[in-house]
């Protein structure tokens, strides 16, 4: 069972490297811009403007994923995985909608586009995201984390 992500914690004051028991995986990218110290470590490397930038960024974040894995730091691995996923989803949004905005101020859906440059950037991130989430050691550590620190009911 997937742990719930707890939005009630004061993440600015918490160090989840020291307290992994407070980390709930959640769904998708939940908490990606909250959980410290990982947000501050990974965010400066997260870029997707062009395919070369996306390639450099995704490779750097994937190396961080591997470094966290070597340190047996599941929370760091999962946060790196979330940043890779977010690289894909944000680049897809920019592929489909100029400026990355899906809705106009009045709530209407903005025109759809197909930006091939952003689509390529998204594909680069997707490949690294798939690599991270399918890593057998990551999957095992995720099961162990969720078993050791179950979500409160």
Foldseek 3Di string as FASTA:
>chain_A
DFAAADPPDQQVPDACQVVVLNGGLHDQLPCLCRHPPLNVVLVVLQDQPFQVSLLRSLVVLLVQLVVCVVVLNLVNNSSSLNSLRVQLVQLVLCQFDPVSDQADPVGHGDHTHGDPRSNSSNVSSVVSSVVSVPPPSSVVSSVVSCVVRPHDD
